[in-house]
Amino acid sequence: MKLKIRQHIAQRGADWTTIEAPFDLSPALAELTPDEACLIDCATMWLTNHLLAEHDLVHEQAALLEALKSSAGQIVIVSNEVGQGIVPENALARKFREAQGRLNIALAAQADLVVQVTAGLPMVLKGQLP
């Protein structure tokens, strides 16, 4: 994971500020001004961190949604669709799949624009591309 983060930082260049917030995104989102943008990469990793730490996922999701709603900045969230494959055989994977689905539904409900990208092709599910 550390290598992946270093690669992403190198690809994005010096104009980007990277904040690692594996659990609490609220402070970073609260500091955004209307002329700033934030890329959350990614909601799936954020959820995984909370799930493996055995945090209350309902509480953490509600806190994230409130932080997103309260933020003044423009926010782009990367998330993974994990419900289109087969149902996993182990309980942890099923719990994760269900939680990711609930998180994606909640994020999409609150978002102005939802774009699914498959094979590099964007499909607008909600809103309109600028």
C-alpha atoms as a PDB file:
ATOM      1  CA  MET A   1       0.000   0.000   0.000  1.00  0.00           C
ATOM      2  CA  LYS A   2       2.844   2.402   0.794  1.00  0.00           C
ATOM      3  CA  LEU A   3       4.325   1.762  -2.658  1.00  0.00           C
ATOM      4  CA  LYS A   4       0.939   2.385  -4.296  1.00  0.00           C
ATOM      5  CA  ILE A   5       0.585   5.699  -2.438  1.00  0.00           C
ATOM      6  CA  ARG A   6       4.108   6.776  -3.461  1.00  0.00           C
ATOM      7  CA  GLN A   7       3.312   5.933  -7.092  1.00  0.00           C
ATOM      8  CA  HIS A   8       0.062   7.921  -6.999  1.00  0.00           C
ATOM      9  CA  ILE A   9       1.860  10.924  -5.478  1.00  0.00           C
ATOM     10  CA  ALA A  10       4.540  10.779  -8.175  1.00  0.00           C
ATOM     11  CA  GLN A  11       1.935  10.511 -10.945  1.00  0.00           C
ATOM     12  CA  ARG A  12      -0.091  13.450  -9.630  1.00  0.00           C
ATOM     13  CA  GLY A  13       2.866  15.792  -9.317  1.00  0.00           C
ATOM     14  CA  ALA A  14       3.819  18.586  -6.934  1.00  0.00           C
ATOM     15  CA  ASP A  15       0.608  20.586  -7.426  1.00  0.00           C
ATOM     16  CA  TRP A  16      -1.338  18.025  -5.395  1.00  0.00           C
ATOM     17  CA  THR A  17      -1.447  17.870  -1.615  1.00  0.00           C
ATOM     18  CA  THR A  18      -1.749  14.343  -0.251  1.00  0.00           C
ATOM     19  CA  ILE A  19      -3.429  13.788   3.092  1.00  0.00           C
ATOM     20  CA  GLU A  20      -3.521  10.269   4.450  1.00  0.00           C
ATOM     21  CA  ALA A  21      -6.639   9.856   6.543  1.00  0.00           C
ATOM     22  CA  PRO A  22      -7.354   6.145   6.860  1.00  0.00           C
ATOM     23  CA  PHE A  23     -10.273   6.637   9.269  1.00  0.00           C
ATOM     24  CA  ASP A  24     -11.427  10.212   9.827  1.00  0.00           C
ATOM     25  CA  LEU A  25     -11.856  12.350   6.721  1.00  0.00           C
ATOM     26  CA  SER A  26     -13.812  15.068   8.558  1.00  0.00           C
ATOM     27  CA  PRO A  27     -10.898  17.383   9.478  1.00  0.00           C
ATOM     28  CA  ALA A  28      -9.535  17.480   5.925  1.00  0.00           C
ATOM     29  CA  LEU A  29     -12.994  18.028   4.434  1.00  0.00           C
ATOM     30  CA  ALA A  30     -13.801  20.766   6.955  1.00  0.00           C
ATOM     31  CA  GLU A  31     -10.730  22.746   5.902  1.00  0.00           C
ATOM     32  CA  LEU A  32     -11.671  22.891   2.215  1.00  0.00           C
ATOM     33  CA  THR A  33     -12.629  26.267   0.786  1.00  0.00           C
ATOM     34  CA  PRO A  34     -15.115  26.742  -2.083  1.00  0.00           C
ATOM     35  CA  ASP A  35     -12.271  27.158  -4.592  1.00  0.00           C
ATOM     36  CA  GLU A  36     -10.535  23.907  -3.556  1.00  0.00           C
ATOM     37  CA  ALA A  37     -11.126  20.390  -4.798  1.00  0.00           C
ATOM     38  CA  CYS A  38     -10.539  17.123  -3.014  1.00  0.00           C
ATOM     39  CA  LEU A  39     -10.111  13.616  -4.409  1.00  0.00           C
ATOM     40  CA  ILE A  40     -10.960  10.827  -1.978  1.00  0.00           C
ATOM     41  CA  ASP A  41      -9.147   7.778  -3.279  1.00  0.00           C
ATOM     42  CA  CYS A  42     -10.911   5.663  -2.256  1.00  0.00           C
ATOM     43  CA  ALA A  43     -14.108   5.061  -0.301  1.00  0.00           C
ATOM     44  CA  THR A  44     -13.579   1.318  -0.591  1.00  0.00           C
ATOM     45  CA  MET A  45     -10.246   1.472   1.240  1.00  0.00           C
ATOM     46  CA  TRP A  46     -11.761   3.800   3.862  1.00  0.00           C
ATOM     47  CA  LEU A  47     -14.557   1.284   4.448  1.00  0.00           C
ATOM     48  CA  THR A  48     -12.099  -1.620   4.583  1.00  0.00           C
ATOM     49  CA  ASN A  49     -10.077   0.179   7.249  1.00  0.00           C
ATOM     50  CA  HIS A  50     -13.158   0.631   9.425  1.00  0.00           C
ATOM     51  CA  LEU A  51     -14.429  -2.895   8.837  1.00  0.00           C
ATOM     52  CA  LEU A  52     -11.121  -4.514   9.773  1.00  0.00           C
ATOM     53  CA  ALA A  53     -10.821  -2.259  12.834  1.00  0.00           C
ATOM     54  CA  GLU A  54     -14.308  -3.479  13.822  1.00  0.00           C
ATOM     55  CA  HIS A  55     -15.694   0.070  14.017  1.00  0.00           C
ATOM     56  CA  ASP A  56     -19.423   0.812  13.949  1.00  0.00           C
ATOM     57  CA  LEU A  57     -19.941   1.094  10.182  1.00  0.00           C
ATOM     58  CA  VAL A  58     -23.347   2.762  10.476  1.00  0.00           C
ATOM     59  CA  HIS A  59     -21.885   5.481  12.699  1.00  0.00           C
ATOM     60  CA  GLU A  60     -18.772   5.957  10.551  1.00  0.00           C
ATOM     61  CA  GLN A  61     -20.818   6.181   7.356  1.00  0.00           C
ATOM     62  CA  ALA A  62     -23.162   8.750   8.895  1.00  0.00           C
ATOM     63  CA  ALA A  63     -20.168  10.827  10.047  1.00  0.00           C
ATOM     64  CA  LEU A  64     -18.627  10.698   6.574  1.00  0.00           C
ATOM     65  CA  LEU A  65     -21.872  11.732   4.886  1.00  0.00           C
ATOM     66  CA  GLU A  66     -22.237  14.665   7.271  1.00  0.00           C
ATOM     67  CA  ALA A  67     -18.637  15.754   6.676  1.00  0.00           C
ATOM     68  CA  LEU A  68     -19.207  15.609   2.924  1.00  0.00           C
ATOM     69  CA  LYS A  69     -22.422  17.604   3.213  1.00  0.00           C
ATOM     70  CA  SER A  70     -20.779  20.252   5.411  1.00  0.00           C
ATOM     71  CA  SER A  71     -17.661  20.687   3.294  1.00  0.00           C
ATOM     72  CA  ALA A  72     -17.346  23.865   1.221  1.00  0.00           C
ATOM     73  CA  GLY A  73     -15.034  22.290  -1.364  1.00  0.00           C
ATOM     74  CA  GLN A  74     -15.679  20.298  -4.494  1.00  0.00           C
ATOM     75  CA  ILE A  75     -15.236  16.602  -3.730  1.00  0.00           C
ATOM     76  CA  VAL A  76     -14.646  13.678  -6.064  1.00  0.00           C
ATOM     77  CA  ILE A  77     -14.911  10.212  -4.547  1.00  0.00           C
ATOM     78  CA  VAL A  78     -13.530   7.043  -6.092  1.00  0.00           C
ATOM     79  CA  SER A  79     -15.374   3.922  -4.997  1.00  0.00           C
ATOM     80  CA  ASN A  80     -15.557   0.339  -6.210  1.00  0.00           C
ATOM     81  CA  GLU A  81     -18.630  -1.580  -7.296  1.00  0.00           C
ATOM     82  CA  VAL A  82     -18.328  -4.974  -5.649  1.00  0.00           C
ATOM     83  CA  GLY A  83     -21.857  -6.336  -5.969  1.00  0.00           C
ATOM     84  CA  GLN A  84     -21.850  -7.393  -9.613  1.00  0.00           C
ATOM     85  CA  GLY A  85     -19.950 -10.635  -9.101  1.00  0.00           C
ATOM     86  CA  ILE A  86     -20.808 -13.821  -7.313  1.00  0.00           C
ATOM     87  CA  VAL A  87     -21.727 -13.797  -3.623  1.00  0.00           C
ATOM     88  CA  PRO A  88     -18.555 -14.563  -1.650  1.00  0.00           C
ATOM     89  CA  GLU A  89     -18.458 -17.775   0.355  1.00  0.00           C
ATOM     90  CA  ASN A  90     -16.913 -16.297   3.524  1.00  0.00           C
ATOM     91  CA  ALA A  91     -18.744 -14.157   6.070  1.00  0.00           C
ATOM     92  CA  LEU A  92     -16.240 -11.263   6.169  1.00  0.00           C
ATOM     93  CA  ALA A  93     -16.326 -10.859   2.384  1.00  0.00           C
ATOM     94  CA  ARG A  94     -20.154 -10.920   2.392  1.00  0.00           C
ATOM     95  CA  LYS A  95     -20.237  -8.336   5.189  1.00  0.00           C
ATOM     96  CA  PHE A  96     -17.846  -6.121   3.236  1.00  0.00           C
ATOM     97  CA  ARG A  97     -19.821  -6.516  -0.007  1.00  0.00           C
ATOM     98  CA  GLU A  98     -23.056  -5.501   1.717  1.00  0.00           C
ATOM     99  CA  ALA A  99     -21.438  -2.565   3.535  1.00  0.00           C
ATOM    100  CA  GLN A 100     -19.807  -1.320   0.311  1.00  0.00           C
ATOM    101  CA  GLY A 101     -23.143  -1.496  -1.454  1.00  0.00           C
ATOM    102  CA  ARG A 102     -24.837   0.506   1.314  1.00  0.00           C
ATOM    103  CA  LEU A 103     -22.016   3.075   1.271  1.00  0.00           C
ATOM    104  CA  ASN A 104     -22.178   3.457  -2.514  1.00  0.00           C
ATOM    105  CA  ILE A 105     -25.959   3.913  -2.392  1.00  0.00           C
ATOM    106  CA  ALA A 106     -25.653   6.586   0.312  1.00  0.00           C
ATOM    107  CA  LEU A 107     -22.830   8.419  -1.475  1.00  0.00           C
ATOM    108  CA  ALA A 108     -24.735   8.357  -4.775  1.00  0.00           C
ATOM    109  CA  ALA A 109     -27.917   9.624  -3.121  1.00  0.00           C
ATOM    110  CA  GLN A 110     -26.054  12.632  -1.734  1.00  0.00           C
ATOM    111  CA  ALA A 111     -23.972  13.320  -4.866  1.00  0.00           C
ATOM    112  CA  ASP A 112     -24.838  15.738  -7.654  1.00  0.00           C
ATOM    113  CA  LEU A 113     -22.989  13.628 -10.232  1.00  0.00           C
ATOM    114  CA  VAL A 114     -22.381   9.866 -10.294  1.00  0.00           C
ATOM    115  CA  VAL A 115     -20.233   8.370 -13.043  1.00  0.00           C
ATOM    116  CA  GLN A 116     -19.482   4.679 -13.382  1.00  0.00           C
ATOM    117  CA  VAL A 117     -16.279   3.973 -15.293  1.00  0.00           C
ATOM    118  CA  THR A 118     -15.924   0.546 -16.849  1.00  0.00           C
ATOM    119  CA  ALA A 119     -13.042  -0.339 -19.160  1.00  0.00           C
ATOM    120  CA  GLY A 120     -12.087   3.341 -19.159  1.00  0.00           C
ATOM    121  CA  LEU A 121     -15.502   4.389 -20.467  1.00  0.00           C
ATOM    122  CA  PRO A 122     -17.584   6.768 -18.321  1.00  0.00           C
ATOM    123  CA  MET A 123     -21.329   6.229 -17.996  1.00  0.00           C
ATOM    124  CA  VAL A 124     -23.293   8.955 -16.206  1.00  0.00           C
ATOM    125  CA  LEU A 125     -25.711   7.400 -13.733  1.00  0.00           C
ATOM    126  CA  LYS A 126     -26.873  10.658 -12.143  1.00  0.00           C
ATOM    127  CA  GLY A 127     -26.500  14.317 -13.140  1.00  0.00           C
ATOM    128  CA  GLN A 128     -24.654  15.693 -16.153  1.00  0.00           C
ATOM    129  CA  LEU A 129     -20.965  15.946 -16.930  1.00  0.00           C
ATOM    130  CA  PRO A 130     -19.736  19.551 -17.000  1.00  0.00           C
END
